[in-house]
């Protein structure tokens, strides 16, 4: 709508970790790794002592999907105007499904299945019993319960007001080292966090993800598709060694299945 979003938080990240290299432009010129915007506006700066060439800015607000950009410090002008457009969690074309589960020592006691479906898209994530939920360094998370969030995205056109897969994907899907041009046939967003706010990034054994792929995308049963993942904390895409297996056609959709740790 273009309306300002109060209470949004901006976190500055470098190589996946919070950094204080950005400098909040308050009276004290205090270095911070995070800003909270009371009215939707924000300001930050850099000086000659800044040691990084770019910074990932992660923007989060209650009721909205998070957004990231990679800001080029080396080539920044003296003044820049940045604007983030956050997508509402209730926007047409997406469905946000959340559920919680108790864990002990990071271990999931029983199988967890998170199933999200939209008009023409569906995503199902299955976490087997006994899996250890881990942080980015491979350490078991310490919280006593976990919130699992899965966002299903319409994979086909579902009206003029609906969001497309391409619109919801962060920039940079193309591989700079390849002449191939990648077109997304399906996508999902997965956010897992424990009760202490720690983000779950790894699993002791594979979890399974299944996504609807419309027949109109031109895939065929038995095909192996390239799998790409986006890490909002590094602001970069990565081509996974795992691939997506295309299953049989059912009611106009193929099931694309992959496992990942």
C-alpha atoms as a PDB file:
ATOM      1  CA  UNK A   1       0.000   0.000   0.000  1.00  0.00           C
ATOM      2  CA  UNK A   2       2.962   2.335   0.462  1.00  0.00           C
ATOM      3  CA  UNK A   3       2.040   3.014   4.092  1.00  0.00           C
ATOM      4  CA  UNK A   4       4.877   3.230   6.611  1.00  0.00           C
ATOM      5  CA  UNK A   5       5.396   0.206   8.881  1.00  0.00           C
ATOM      6  CA  UNK A   6       6.103   1.237  12.494  1.00  0.00           C
ATOM      7  CA  UNK A   7       8.172  -1.029  14.721  1.00  0.00           C
ATOM      8  CA  UNK A   8      10.221  -2.652  11.954  1.00  0.00           C
ATOM      9  CA  UNK A   9      13.718  -3.815  12.867  1.00  0.00           C
ATOM     10  CA  UNK A  10      16.790  -3.538  10.641  1.00  0.00           C
ATOM     11  CA  UNK A  11      19.685  -5.874  11.421  1.00  0.00           C
ATOM     12  CA  UNK A  12      23.100  -5.370   9.804  1.00  0.00           C
ATOM     13  CA  UNK A  13      24.858  -8.613   8.913  1.00  0.00           C
ATOM     14  CA  UNK A  14      28.275  -9.519   7.524  1.00  0.00           C
ATOM     15  CA  UNK A  15      29.138 -13.104   6.566  1.00  0.00           C
ATOM     16  CA  UNK A  16      26.037 -14.317   8.400  1.00  0.00           C
ATOM     17  CA  UNK A  17      26.722 -12.572  11.710  1.00  0.00           C
ATOM     18  CA  UNK A  18      25.568  -9.250  13.144  1.00  0.00           C
ATOM     19  CA  UNK A  19      28.087  -6.447  12.630  1.00  0.00           C
ATOM     20  CA  UNK A  20      28.523  -3.041  14.269  1.00  0.00           C
ATOM     21  CA  UNK A  21      30.296  -1.612  11.233  1.00  0.00           C
ATOM     22  CA  UNK A  22      27.208   0.473  10.332  1.00  0.00           C
ATOM     23  CA  UNK A  23      26.962   3.612  12.441  1.00  0.00           C
ATOM     24  CA  UNK A  24      23.650   4.937  13.688  1.00  0.00           C
ATOM     25  CA  UNK A  25      23.423   8.645  13.029  1.00  0.00           C
ATOM     26  CA  UNK A  26      22.394   9.738  16.502  1.00  0.00           C
ATOM     27  CA  UNK A  27      24.048  12.520  18.502  1.00  0.00           C
ATOM     28  CA  UNK A  28      26.653  10.135  19.882  1.00  0.00           C
ATOM     29  CA  UNK A  29      27.361   8.414  16.521  1.00  0.00           C
ATOM     30  CA  UNK A  30      27.029   5.085  18.316  1.00  0.00           C
ATOM     31  CA  UNK A  31      27.935   1.918  16.424  1.00  0.00           C
ATOM     32  CA  UNK A  32      25.052  -0.572  16.371  1.00  0.00           C
ATOM     33  CA  UNK A  33      24.154  -3.839  14.665  1.00  0.00           C
ATOM     34  CA  UNK A  34      20.403  -3.245  14.855  1.00  0.00           C
ATOM     35  CA  UNK A  35      17.924  -0.404  14.463  1.00  0.00           C
ATOM     36  CA  UNK A  36      14.236  -0.301  15.368  1.00  0.00           C
ATOM     37  CA  UNK A  37      12.123   2.172  13.447  1.00  0.00           C
ATOM     38  CA  UNK A  38       9.281   3.758  15.393  1.00  0.00           C
ATOM     39  CA  UNK A  39       7.657   5.387  12.363  1.00  0.00           C
ATOM     40  CA  UNK A  40       9.023   3.520   9.345  1.00  0.00           C
ATOM     41  CA  UNK A  41      12.027   5.788   8.811  1.00  0.00           C
ATOM     42  CA  UNK A  42      15.672   4.973   9.499  1.00  0.00           C
ATOM     43  CA  UNK A  43      19.179   6.356   8.988  1.00  0.00           C
ATOM     44  CA  UNK A  44      22.669   4.909   9.216  1.00  0.00           C
ATOM     45  CA  UNK A  45      26.126   5.781   7.955  1.00  0.00           C
ATOM     46  CA  UNK A  46      29.718   4.681   7.489  1.00  0.00           C
ATOM     47  CA  UNK A  47      33.067   6.311   8.059  1.00  0.00           C
ATOM     48  CA  UNK A  48      36.635   5.827   6.907  1.00  0.00           C
ATOM     49  CA  UNK A  49      37.193   3.144   9.565  1.00  0.00           C
ATOM     50  CA  UNK A  50      34.514   0.835   8.174  1.00  0.00           C
ATOM     51  CA  UNK A  51      36.275  -2.429   7.358  1.00  0.00           C
ATOM     52  CA  UNK A  52      33.665  -4.203   5.220  1.00  0.00           C
ATOM     53  CA  UNK A  53      32.826  -3.560   1.561  1.00  0.00           C
ATOM     54  CA  UNK A  54      29.149  -4.487   1.776  1.00  0.00           C
ATOM     55  CA  UNK A  55      26.548  -5.272   4.394  1.00  0.00           C
ATOM     56  CA  UNK A  56      23.385  -7.381   4.335  1.00  0.00           C
ATOM     57  CA  UNK A  57      20.387  -5.534   5.766  1.00  0.00           C
ATOM     58  CA  UNK A  58      17.646  -7.771   7.149  1.00  0.00           C
ATOM     59  CA  UNK A  59      14.283  -6.070   7.760  1.00  0.00           C
ATOM     60  CA  UNK A  60      11.652  -7.727   9.956  1.00  0.00           C
ATOM     61  CA  UNK A  61       8.236  -6.617  11.214  1.00  0.00           C
ATOM     62  CA  UNK A  62       5.383  -8.434  12.925  1.00  0.00           C
ATOM     63  CA  UNK A  63       2.781  -9.591  10.420  1.00  0.00           C
ATOM     64  CA  UNK A  64       5.103  -9.299   7.405  1.00  0.00           C
ATOM     65  CA  UNK A  65       7.562 -11.516   5.564  1.00  0.00           C
ATOM     66  CA  UNK A  66      11.167 -10.484   6.130  1.00  0.00           C
ATOM     67  CA  UNK A  67      13.192  -8.753   3.411  1.00  0.00           C
ATOM     68  CA  UNK A  68      16.925  -8.453   2.751  1.00  0.00           C
ATOM     69  CA  UNK A  69      19.232  -6.478   0.500  1.00  0.00           C
ATOM     70  CA  UNK A  70      22.996  -6.414   0.127  1.00  0.00           C
ATOM     71  CA  UNK A  71      24.129  -2.803   0.386  1.00  0.00           C
ATOM     72  CA  UNK A  72      27.341  -1.894  -1.481  1.00  0.00           C
ATOM     73  CA  UNK A  73      29.399   0.283   0.864  1.00  0.00           C
ATOM     74  CA  UNK A  74      32.408   0.737  -1.410  1.00  0.00           C
ATOM     75  CA  UNK A  75      30.325   2.223  -4.214  1.00  0.00           C
ATOM     76  CA  UNK A  76      27.784   4.061  -2.092  1.00  0.00           C
ATOM     77  CA  UNK A  77      27.154   7.729  -2.743  1.00  0.00           C
ATOM     78  CA  UNK A  78      27.362  10.292   0.047  1.00  0.00           C
ATOM     79  CA  UNK A  79      23.599  10.095   0.380  1.00  0.00           C
ATOM     80  CA  UNK A  80      21.387   7.127  -0.479  1.00  0.00           C
ATOM     81  CA  UNK A  81      17.658   6.642  -0.168  1.00  0.00           C
ATOM     82  CA  UNK A  82      16.647   3.075   0.629  1.00  0.00           C
ATOM     83  CA  UNK A  83      13.095   1.750   0.751  1.00  0.00           C
ATOM     84  CA  UNK A  84      11.954  -1.721   1.743  1.00  0.00           C
ATOM     85  CA  UNK A  85       8.579  -3.041   0.628  1.00  0.00           C
ATOM     86  CA  UNK A  86       7.457  -5.761   3.020  1.00  0.00           C
ATOM     87  CA  UNK A  87       4.821  -8.301   2.004  1.00  0.00           C
ATOM     88  CA  UNK A  88       1.954  -8.810   4.426  1.00  0.00           C
ATOM     89  CA  UNK A  89       1.580 -12.325   5.802  1.00  0.00           C
ATOM     90  CA  UNK A  90      -2.086 -12.129   4.740  1.00  0.00           C
ATOM     91  CA  UNK A  91      -1.392 -11.081   1.123  1.00  0.00           C
ATOM     92  CA  UNK A  92      -3.234 -12.947  -1.613  1.00  0.00           C
ATOM     93  CA  UNK A  93      -1.099 -15.672  -3.152  1.00  0.00           C
ATOM     94  CA  UNK A  94       0.641 -16.831   0.030  1.00  0.00           C
ATOM     95  CA  UNK A  95      -0.337 -18.857   3.070  1.00  0.00           C
ATOM     96  CA  UNK A  96       1.690 -18.690   6.279  1.00  0.00           C
ATOM     97  CA  UNK A  97       1.354 -21.788   8.479  1.00  0.00           C
ATOM     98  CA  UNK A  98       2.881 -21.932  11.972  1.00  0.00           C
ATOM     99  CA  UNK A  99       2.961 -24.575  14.666  1.00  0.00           C
ATOM    100  CA  UNK A 100       4.999 -25.213  17.795  1.00  0.00           C
ATOM    101  CA  UNK A 101       6.539 -28.369  19.226  1.00  0.00           C
ATOM    102  CA  UNK A 102       8.353 -29.168  22.457  1.00  0.00           C
ATOM    103  CA  UNK A 103      11.991 -30.237  22.246  1.00  0.00           C
ATOM    104  CA  UNK A 104      14.466 -31.588  24.779  1.00  0.00           C
ATOM    105  CA  UNK A 105      18.146 -30.963  24.149  1.00  0.00           C
ATOM    106  CA  UNK A 106      17.211 -29.882  20.657  1.00  0.00           C
ATOM    107  CA  UNK A 107      15.647 -33.286  19.893  1.00  0.00           C
ATOM    108  CA  UNK A 108      12.214 -33.554  18.278  1.00  0.00           C
ATOM    109  CA  UNK A 109      10.385 -36.306  20.209  1.00  0.00           C
ATOM    110  CA  UNK A 110       7.791 -37.122  17.548  1.00  0.00           C
ATOM    111  CA  UNK A 111       7.435 -36.460  13.818  1.00  0.00           C
ATOM    112  CA  UNK A 112       6.448 -32.909  12.907  1.00  0.00           C
ATOM    113  CA  UNK A 113       4.569 -32.162   9.675  1.00  0.00           C
ATOM    114  CA  UNK A 114       3.901 -28.559   8.621  1.00  0.00           C
ATOM    115  CA  UNK A 115       1.471 -28.354   5.699  1.00  0.00           C
ATOM    116  CA  UNK A 116       0.730 -25.040   3.959  1.00  0.00           C
ATOM    117  CA  UNK A 117      -1.458 -24.606   0.875  1.00  0.00           C
ATOM    118  CA  UNK A 118      -2.580 -21.704  -1.308  1.00  0.00           C
ATOM    119  CA  UNK A 119      -4.788 -21.561  -4.408  1.00  0.00           C
ATOM    120  CA  UNK A 120      -2.185 -23.120  -6.688  1.00  0.00           C
ATOM    121  CA  UNK A 121       0.765 -23.747  -4.425  1.00  0.00           C
ATOM    122  CA  UNK A 122       1.483 -26.104  -1.577  1.00  0.00           C
ATOM    123  CA  UNK A 123       4.475 -26.845   0.632  1.00  0.00           C
ATOM    124  CA  UNK A 124       4.840 -29.637   3.175  1.00  0.00           C
ATOM    125  CA  UNK A 125       7.830 -30.014   5.479  1.00  0.00           C
ATOM    126  CA  UNK A 126       8.349 -33.232   7.450  1.00  0.00           C
ATOM    127  CA  UNK A 127      10.820 -33.471  10.343  1.00  0.00           C
ATOM    128  CA  UNK A 128      11.329 -37.068  11.520  1.00  0.00           C
ATOM    129  CA  UNK A 129      11.257 -38.005  15.200  1.00  0.00           C
ATOM    130  CA  UNK A 130      14.690 -37.984  16.822  1.00  0.00           C
ATOM    131  CA  UNK A 131      16.164 -35.247  14.642  1.00  0.00           C
ATOM    132  CA  UNK A 132      18.419 -32.818  16.514  1.00  0.00           C
ATOM    133  CA  UNK A 133      17.674 -29.193  15.633  1.00  0.00           C
ATOM    134  CA  UNK A 134      20.899 -27.178  15.348  1.00  0.00           C
ATOM    135  CA  UNK A 135      22.128 -23.626  14.907  1.00  0.00           C
ATOM    136  CA  UNK A 136      24.369 -22.470  12.047  1.00  0.00           C
ATOM    137  CA  UNK A 137      27.452 -23.886  13.823  1.00  0.00           C
ATOM    138  CA  UNK A 138      25.915 -27.333  14.280  1.00  0.00           C
ATOM    139  CA  UNK A 139      25.182 -26.927  18.001  1.00  0.00           C
ATOM    140  CA  UNK A 140      21.902 -28.277  19.374  1.00  0.00           C
ATOM    141  CA  UNK A 141      19.457 -25.449  20.072  1.00  0.00           C
ATOM    142  CA  UNK A 142      18.755 -24.761  23.739  1.00  0.00           C
ATOM    143  CA  UNK A 143      15.128 -23.659  23.740  1.00  0.00           C
ATOM    144  CA  UNK A 144      12.388 -25.870  25.181  1.00  0.00           C
ATOM    145  CA  UNK A 145      10.064 -25.413  22.230  1.00  0.00           C
ATOM    146  CA  UNK A 146      10.296 -24.498  18.563  1.00  0.00           C
ATOM    147  CA  UNK A 147       8.100 -22.479  16.226  1.00  0.00           C
ATOM    148  CA  UNK A 148       7.953 -23.907  12.712  1.00  0.00           C
ATOM    149  CA  UNK A 149       6.826 -21.481   9.991  1.00  0.00           C
ATOM    150  CA  UNK A 150       6.267 -22.547   6.382  1.00  0.00           C
ATOM    151  CA  UNK A 151       5.078 -20.136   3.682  1.00  0.00           C
ATOM    152  CA  UNK A 152       3.339 -21.626   0.653  1.00  0.00           C
ATOM    153  CA  UNK A 153       3.487 -19.498  -2.486  1.00  0.00           C
ATOM    154  CA  UNK A 154       1.110 -19.645  -5.448  1.00  0.00           C
ATOM    155  CA  UNK A 155       3.105 -21.338  -8.167  1.00  0.00           C
ATOM    156  CA  UNK A 156       0.692 -20.365 -10.948  1.00  0.00           C
ATOM    157  CA  UNK A 157      -1.259 -17.206 -11.729  1.00  0.00           C
ATOM    158  CA  UNK A 158      -4.199 -16.879  -9.337  1.00  0.00           C
ATOM    159  CA  UNK A 159      -5.606 -13.472 -10.195  1.00  0.00           C
ATOM    160  CA  UNK A 160      -4.314  -9.967 -10.773  1.00  0.00           C
ATOM    161  CA  UNK A 161      -3.913  -9.307  -7.052  1.00  0.00           C
ATOM    162  CA  UNK A 162      -1.899 -12.439  -6.367  1.00  0.00           C
ATOM    163  CA  UNK A 163       1.828 -12.413  -5.751  1.00  0.00           C
ATOM    164  CA  UNK A 164       3.986 -14.485  -8.084  1.00  0.00           C
ATOM    165  CA  UNK A 165       6.900 -16.721  -7.149  1.00  0.00           C
ATOM    166  CA  UNK A 166       9.314 -14.373  -8.921  1.00  0.00           C
ATOM    167  CA  UNK A 167       8.039 -11.345  -6.975  1.00  0.00           C
ATOM    168  CA  UNK A 168       8.706 -13.010  -3.635  1.00  0.00           C
ATOM    169  CA  UNK A 169      12.198 -14.279  -4.419  1.00  0.00           C
ATOM    170  CA  UNK A 170      15.109 -12.048  -3.394  1.00  0.00           C
ATOM    171  CA  UNK A 171      17.285 -10.777  -6.220  1.00  0.00           C
ATOM    172  CA  UNK A 172      20.315 -12.778  -7.298  1.00  0.00           C
ATOM    173  CA  UNK A 173      18.817 -16.132  -8.299  1.00  0.00           C
ATOM    174  CA  UNK A 174      21.061 -16.232 -11.366  1.00  0.00           C
ATOM    175  CA  UNK A 175      24.513 -17.750 -11.015  1.00  0.00           C
ATOM    176  CA  UNK A 176      27.170 -15.150 -11.862  1.00  0.00           C
ATOM    177  CA  UNK A 177      29.573 -17.880 -13.000  1.00  0.00           C
ATOM    178  CA  UNK A 178      27.127 -19.582 -15.369  1.00  0.00           C
ATOM    179  CA  UNK A 179      25.522 -18.715 -18.688  1.00  0.00           C
ATOM    180  CA  UNK A 180      22.362 -20.560 -17.615  1.00  0.00           C
ATOM    181  CA  UNK A 181      19.285 -18.504 -16.768  1.00  0.00           C
ATOM    182  CA  UNK A 182      17.242 -20.019 -13.950  1.00  0.00           C
ATOM    183  CA  UNK A 183      13.453 -19.699 -13.883  1.00  0.00           C
ATOM    184  CA  UNK A 184      11.703 -20.677 -10.630  1.00  0.00           C
ATOM    185  CA  UNK A 185       9.044 -23.381 -11.024  1.00  0.00           C
ATOM    186  CA  UNK A 186       8.168 -23.484  -7.328  1.00  0.00           C
ATOM    187  CA  UNK A 187       9.346 -21.960  -4.065  1.00  0.00           C
ATOM    188  CA  UNK A 188       8.689 -21.974  -0.347  1.00  0.00           C
ATOM    189  CA  UNK A 189       9.909 -20.046   2.686  1.00  0.00           C
ATOM    190  CA  UNK A 190      10.885 -21.957   5.823  1.00  0.00           C
ATOM    191  CA  UNK A 191      11.637 -20.212   9.136  1.00  0.00           C
ATOM    192  CA  UNK A 192      12.330 -22.271  12.274  1.00  0.00           C
ATOM    193  CA  UNK A 193      13.210 -20.578  15.588  1.00  0.00           C
ATOM    194  CA  UNK A 194      13.447 -21.792  19.184  1.00  0.00           C
ATOM    195  CA  UNK A 195      12.004 -20.153  22.306  1.00  0.00           C
ATOM    196  CA  UNK A 196      15.276 -18.280  22.911  1.00  0.00           C
ATOM    197  CA  UNK A 197      15.163 -16.676  19.476  1.00  0.00           C
ATOM    198  CA  UNK A 198      17.856 -18.928  17.973  1.00  0.00           C
ATOM    199  CA  UNK A 199      17.322 -19.684  14.281  1.00  0.00           C
ATOM    200  CA  UNK A 200      17.510 -23.343  13.304  1.00  0.00           C
ATOM    201  CA  UNK A 201      19.848 -23.766  10.352  1.00  0.00           C
ATOM    202  CA  UNK A 202      20.889 -27.431  10.442  1.00  0.00           C
ATOM    203  CA  UNK A 203      19.444 -30.867  11.181  1.00  0.00           C
ATOM    204  CA  UNK A 204      21.241 -33.991  12.415  1.00  0.00           C
ATOM    205  CA  UNK A 205      19.486 -36.027   9.708  1.00  0.00           C
ATOM    206  CA  UNK A 206      17.557 -34.945   6.611  1.00  0.00           C
ATOM    207  CA  UNK A 207      14.157 -33.314   6.649  1.00  0.00           C
ATOM    208  CA  UNK A 208      11.833 -33.690   3.654  1.00  0.00           C
ATOM    209  CA  UNK A 209      10.242 -30.840   1.682  1.00  0.00           C
ATOM    210  CA  UNK A 210       7.518 -31.329  -0.930  1.00  0.00           C
ATOM    211  CA  UNK A 211       6.248 -28.522  -3.197  1.00  0.00           C
ATOM    212  CA  UNK A 212       3.570 -28.338  -5.888  1.00  0.00           C
ATOM    213  CA  UNK A 213       4.903 -27.737  -9.417  1.00  0.00           C
ATOM    214  CA  UNK A 214       2.206 -26.764 -11.964  1.00  0.00           C
ATOM    215  CA  UNK A 215       2.059 -28.835 -15.134  1.00  0.00           C
ATOM    216  CA  UNK A 216       2.337 -25.547 -17.046  1.00  0.00           C
ATOM    217  CA  UNK A 217       5.981 -25.227 -15.935  1.00  0.00           C
ATOM    218  CA  UNK A 218       7.040 -27.838 -18.494  1.00  0.00           C
ATOM    219  CA  UNK A 219       8.679 -30.336 -16.123  1.00  0.00           C
ATOM    220  CA  UNK A 220       8.343 -34.096 -16.566  1.00  0.00           C
ATOM    221  CA  UNK A 221       7.992 -37.001 -14.167  1.00  0.00           C
ATOM    222  CA  UNK A 222      11.375 -38.382 -13.118  1.00  0.00           C
ATOM    223  CA  UNK A 223      13.247 -35.165 -13.869  1.00  0.00           C
ATOM    224  CA  UNK A 224      15.855 -33.874 -11.406  1.00  0.00           C
ATOM    225  CA  UNK A 225      15.649 -30.108 -10.918  1.00  0.00           C
ATOM    226  CA  UNK A 226      18.298 -27.715  -9.607  1.00  0.00           C
ATOM    227  CA  UNK A 227      17.675 -26.745  -5.967  1.00  0.00           C
ATOM    228  CA  UNK A 228      18.668 -23.276  -4.797  1.00  0.00           C
ATOM    229  CA  UNK A 229      18.486 -21.956  -1.253  1.00  0.00           C
ATOM    230  CA  UNK A 230      18.583 -18.400   0.046  1.00  0.00           C
ATOM    231  CA  UNK A 231      20.002 -17.493   3.457  1.00  0.00           C
ATOM    232  CA  UNK A 232      18.623 -14.177   4.654  1.00  0.00           C
ATOM    233  CA  UNK A 233      21.520 -13.763   7.087  1.00  0.00           C
ATOM    234  CA  UNK A 234      24.143 -13.832   4.330  1.00  0.00           C
ATOM    235  CA  UNK A 235      21.943 -12.295   1.631  1.00  0.00           C
ATOM    236  CA  UNK A 236      23.062 -14.869  -0.933  1.00  0.00           C
ATOM    237  CA  UNK A 237      21.755 -17.764  -3.003  1.00  0.00           C
ATOM    238  CA  UNK A 238      23.494 -21.141  -3.012  1.00  0.00           C
ATOM    239  CA  UNK A 239      23.099 -24.052  -5.413  1.00  0.00           C
ATOM    240  CA  UNK A 240      22.573 -27.170  -3.299  1.00  0.00           C
ATOM    241  CA  UNK A 241      24.136 -30.539  -4.114  1.00  0.00           C
ATOM    242  CA  UNK A 242      20.705 -32.079  -3.489  1.00  0.00           C
ATOM    243  CA  UNK A 243      18.224 -31.992  -6.359  1.00  0.00           C
ATOM    244  CA  UNK A 244      14.425 -31.924  -6.555  1.00  0.00           C
ATOM    245  CA  UNK A 245      12.818 -35.145  -7.797  1.00  0.00           C
ATOM    246  CA  UNK A 246       9.697 -34.647  -9.918  1.00  0.00           C
ATOM    247  CA  UNK A 247       6.936 -37.122  -9.076  1.00  0.00           C
ATOM    248  CA  UNK A 248       3.820 -38.162 -10.966  1.00  0.00           C
ATOM    249  CA  UNK A 249       1.274 -35.656 -12.305  1.00  0.00           C
ATOM    250  CA  UNK A 250      -1.781 -35.361 -10.065  1.00  0.00           C
ATOM    251  CA  UNK A 251      -4.656 -32.885 -10.536  1.00  0.00           C
ATOM    252  CA  UNK A 252      -2.515 -30.581 -12.677  1.00  0.00           C
ATOM    253  CA  UNK A 253       0.525 -30.596 -10.379  1.00  0.00           C
ATOM    254  CA  UNK A 254       3.747 -32.541 -10.077  1.00  0.00           C
ATOM    255  CA  UNK A 255       5.154 -33.102  -6.601  1.00  0.00           C
ATOM    256  CA  UNK A 256       8.716 -31.825  -6.298  1.00  0.00           C
ATOM    257  CA  UNK A 257      10.484 -33.540  -3.393  1.00  0.00           C
ATOM    258  CA  UNK A 258      13.888 -33.003  -1.839  1.00  0.00           C
ATOM    259  CA  UNK A 259      15.703 -33.801   1.400  1.00  0.00           C
ATOM    260  CA  UNK A 260      18.167 -31.516   3.092  1.00  0.00           C
ATOM    261  CA  UNK A 261      20.143 -31.146   6.315  1.00  0.00           C
END
